[in-house]
């Protein structure tokens, strides 16, 4: 398997999109199924945002200063997703706003992934090249091992708090 950072992130995006699609197809009264899908969504997004925030974004920011505004926007998009994830983790699938809140999360994250894949990744690939992207990818693989799986874990909470007060 490639350790190219962009290949790894796109693989995450594909898995996340599949869970989104499954949620949307689950049906109106499929509370148990939707609850399980949201739990999976929360885990995938918590891990994914952690490795981007801890490895990908800081490295790109340092190596490609011309992409600083894009990195800062991505941090903010993650912040919005983090807040929704924390709120969703506290809701039961039968809660009045559960499906609506999940839909808003899906819309926001899809927008973020589309922007990354269509606009940002091509710029990063052109600016960094294969060897650097493989090195960053290897760092991401290591970070994934210690990444939080739930928003209530200390490293995830710190990330959310930092986003709020930064």
Protein backbone atom coordinates (compact mmCIF):
# COMPACT_ATOMS: atom_id res chain seq x y z
CA UNK A 1 0.00 0.00 0.00
CA UNK A 2 1.24 3.49 -0.87
CA UNK A 3 2.27 5.85 1.88
CA UNK A 4 1.64 8.86 -0.36
CA UNK A 5 -0.18 11.30 1.95
CA UNK A 6 -2.74 12.28 -0.67
CA UNK A 7 -3.48 8.66 -1.59
CA UNK A 8 -4.03 7.89 2.11
CA UNK A 9 -6.33 10.88 2.62
CA UNK A 10 -8.35 10.04 -0.51
CA UNK A 11 -8.79 6.47 0.77
CA UNK A 12 -10.15 7.91 4.03
CA UNK A 13 -12.47 10.18 2.05
CA UNK A 14 -13.80 7.21 0.09
CA UNK A 15 -14.56 5.28 3.28
CA UNK A 16 -16.20 8.33 4.87
CA UNK A 17 -18.33 8.96 1.76
CA UNK A 18 -19.53 5.33 1.87
CA UNK A 19 -20.73 5.71 5.46
CA UNK A 20 -22.45 8.99 4.53
CA UNK A 21 -24.21 7.29 1.63
CA UNK A 22 -25.27 4.36 3.81
CA UNK A 23 -26.73 6.79 6.36
CA UNK A 24 -28.69 8.61 3.66
CA UNK A 25 -30.07 5.32 2.32
CA UNK A 26 -30.96 3.93 5.77
CA UNK A 27 -34.55 5.17 5.74
CA UNK A 28 -36.63 7.34 8.01
CA UNK A 29 -37.21 4.95 10.91
CA UNK A 30 -33.91 3.06 10.85
CA UNK A 31 -32.79 4.48 14.19
CA UNK A 32 -30.57 1.57 15.21
CA UNK A 33 -28.83 1.44 11.82
CA UNK A 34 -28.41 5.23 11.75
CA UNK A 35 -26.98 5.17 15.27
CA UNK A 36 -24.36 2.60 14.25
CA UNK A 37 -23.51 4.52 11.09
CA UNK A 38 -23.10 7.77 13.00
CA UNK A 39 -20.82 6.03 15.51
CA UNK A 40 -18.70 4.79 12.58
CA UNK A 41 -18.78 8.27 11.04
CA UNK A 42 -17.61 9.82 14.31
CA UNK A 43 -14.72 7.38 14.59
CA UNK A 44 -13.61 7.86 10.98
CA UNK A 45 -13.83 11.65 11.17
CA UNK A 46 -12.09 11.85 14.55
CA UNK A 47 -9.13 9.81 13.26
CA UNK A 48 -9.03 11.59 9.91
CA UNK A 49 -9.11 15.13 11.28
CA UNK A 50 -6.48 14.17 13.86
CA UNK A 51 -3.95 12.99 11.27
CA UNK A 52 -4.62 15.98 9.03
CA UNK A 53 -4.38 18.49 11.90
CA UNK A 54 -1.35 16.87 13.51
CA UNK A 55 0.67 15.93 10.42
CA UNK A 56 -0.58 16.99 6.99
CA UNK A 57 -1.60 20.59 7.60
CA UNK A 58 1.43 21.64 9.69
CA UNK A 59 3.84 20.05 7.19
CA UNK A 60 2.15 21.64 4.17
CA UNK A 61 1.96 24.97 5.97
CA UNK A 62 5.70 24.87 6.67
CA UNK A 63 6.74 23.63 3.22
CA UNK A 64 4.28 25.58 1.05
CA UNK A 65 3.64 28.94 2.73
CA UNK A 66 1.65 30.09 -0.30
CA UNK A 67 -1.07 27.61 0.79
CA UNK A 68 -1.37 29.11 4.29
CA UNK A 69 -4.87 30.50 3.69
CA UNK A 70 -6.08 27.09 2.47
CA UNK A 71 -4.64 25.38 5.55
CA UNK A 72 -6.26 27.91 7.88
CA UNK A 73 -9.62 27.41 6.13
CA UNK A 74 -9.25 23.64 6.51
CA UNK A 75 -8.59 24.02 10.23
CA UNK A 76 -11.80 26.02 10.52
CA UNK A 77 -13.78 23.47 8.51
CA UNK A 78 -12.46 20.77 10.85
CA UNK A 79 -13.48 22.89 13.81
CA UNK A 80 -17.09 23.01 12.57
CA UNK A 81 -17.08 19.24 11.97
CA UNK A 82 -15.53 18.64 15.42
CA UNK A 83 -18.30 20.59 17.13
CA UNK A 84 -21.00 18.69 15.25
CA UNK A 85 -19.31 15.38 16.04
CA UNK A 86 -19.18 16.22 19.77
CA UNK A 87 -22.87 17.15 19.71
CA UNK A 88 -23.83 14.03 17.74
CA UNK A 89 -21.90 11.78 20.11
CA UNK A 90 -24.18 12.99 22.90
CA UNK A 91 -27.44 12.44 20.98
CA UNK A 92 -29.54 9.33 20.74
CA UNK A 93 -30.64 8.32 17.23
CA UNK A 94 -34.24 8.98 18.28
CA UNK A 95 -33.50 12.61 19.19
CA UNK A 96 -35.44 15.18 17.20
CA UNK A 97 -32.33 16.78 15.68
CA UNK A 98 -30.20 13.66 15.20
CA UNK A 99 -30.85 13.22 11.48
CA UNK A 100 -30.78 16.96 10.78
CA UNK A 101 -27.48 17.42 12.63
CA UNK A 102 -25.99 14.40 10.83
CA UNK A 103 -27.14 15.82 7.48
CA UNK A 104 -25.42 19.15 8.24
CA UNK A 105 -22.24 17.28 9.20
CA UNK A 106 -22.36 15.27 5.97
CA UNK A 107 -22.90 18.39 3.84
CA UNK A 108 -20.02 20.25 5.52
CA UNK A 109 -17.58 17.36 5.32
CA UNK A 110 -18.47 16.56 1.69
CA UNK A 111 -17.79 20.19 0.79
CA UNK A 112 -14.44 20.04 2.61
CA UNK A 113 -13.42 16.76 0.94
CA UNK A 114 -14.46 18.01 -2.50
CA UNK A 115 -12.40 21.18 -2.04
CA UNK A 116 -9.39 19.23 -0.90
CA UNK A 117 -9.57 16.73 -3.74
CA UNK A 118 -10.34 19.19 -6.55
CA UNK A 119 -8.35 22.25 -5.51
CA UNK A 120 -5.93 21.68 -2.67
CA UNK A 121 -4.47 18.21 -3.31
CA UNK A 122 -3.34 19.07 -6.87
CA UNK A 123 -1.53 22.17 -5.55
CA UNK A 124 0.08 20.18 -2.73
CA UNK A 125 1.18 17.39 -5.09
CA UNK A 126 2.69 19.91 -7.53
CA UNK A 127 4.45 21.79 -4.74
CA UNK A 128 5.82 18.88 -2.73
CA UNK A 129 6.43 15.99 -5.10
CA UNK A 130 6.31 12.27 -4.54
CA UNK A 131 9.15 11.69 -2.07
CA UNK A 132 7.94 14.36 0.37
CA UNK A 133 4.34 13.14 0.13
CA UNK A 134 5.51 9.60 0.92
CA UNK A 135 7.43 10.86 3.94
CA UNK A 136 4.39 12.80 5.18
CA UNK A 137 2.23 9.74 4.52
CA UNK A 138 4.53 7.58 6.63
CA UNK A 139 4.20 10.13 9.46
CA UNK A 140 0.40 9.98 9.05
CA UNK A 141 0.44 6.17 9.29
CA UNK A 142 2.30 6.47 12.60
CA UNK A 143 -0.03 9.22 13.87
CA UNK A 144 -3.08 7.09 13.00
CA UNK A 145 -1.88 4.46 15.49
CA UNK A 146 -2.24 6.91 18.39
CA UNK A 147 -5.17 8.88 16.99
CA UNK A 148 -8.29 9.23 19.15
CA UNK A 149 -11.30 7.22 18.02
CA UNK A 150 -13.94 9.20 19.94
CA UNK A 151 -14.33 12.93 20.45
CA UNK A 152 -14.32 12.35 24.23
CA UNK A 153 -10.72 11.10 24.25
CA UNK A 154 -8.24 13.65 25.65
CA UNK A 155 -6.30 14.21 22.41
CA UNK A 156 -9.55 14.83 20.53
CA UNK A 157 -10.86 17.14 23.23
CA UNK A 158 -7.63 19.15 23.16
CA UNK A 159 -7.98 19.56 19.39
CA UNK A 160 -11.55 20.82 19.78
CA UNK A 161 -10.65 23.19 22.61
CA UNK A 162 -7.63 24.53 20.71
CA UNK A 163 -9.89 25.24 17.73
CA UNK A 164 -12.36 27.13 19.92
CA UNK A 165 -9.78 29.32 21.69
CA UNK A 166 -7.23 29.75 18.91
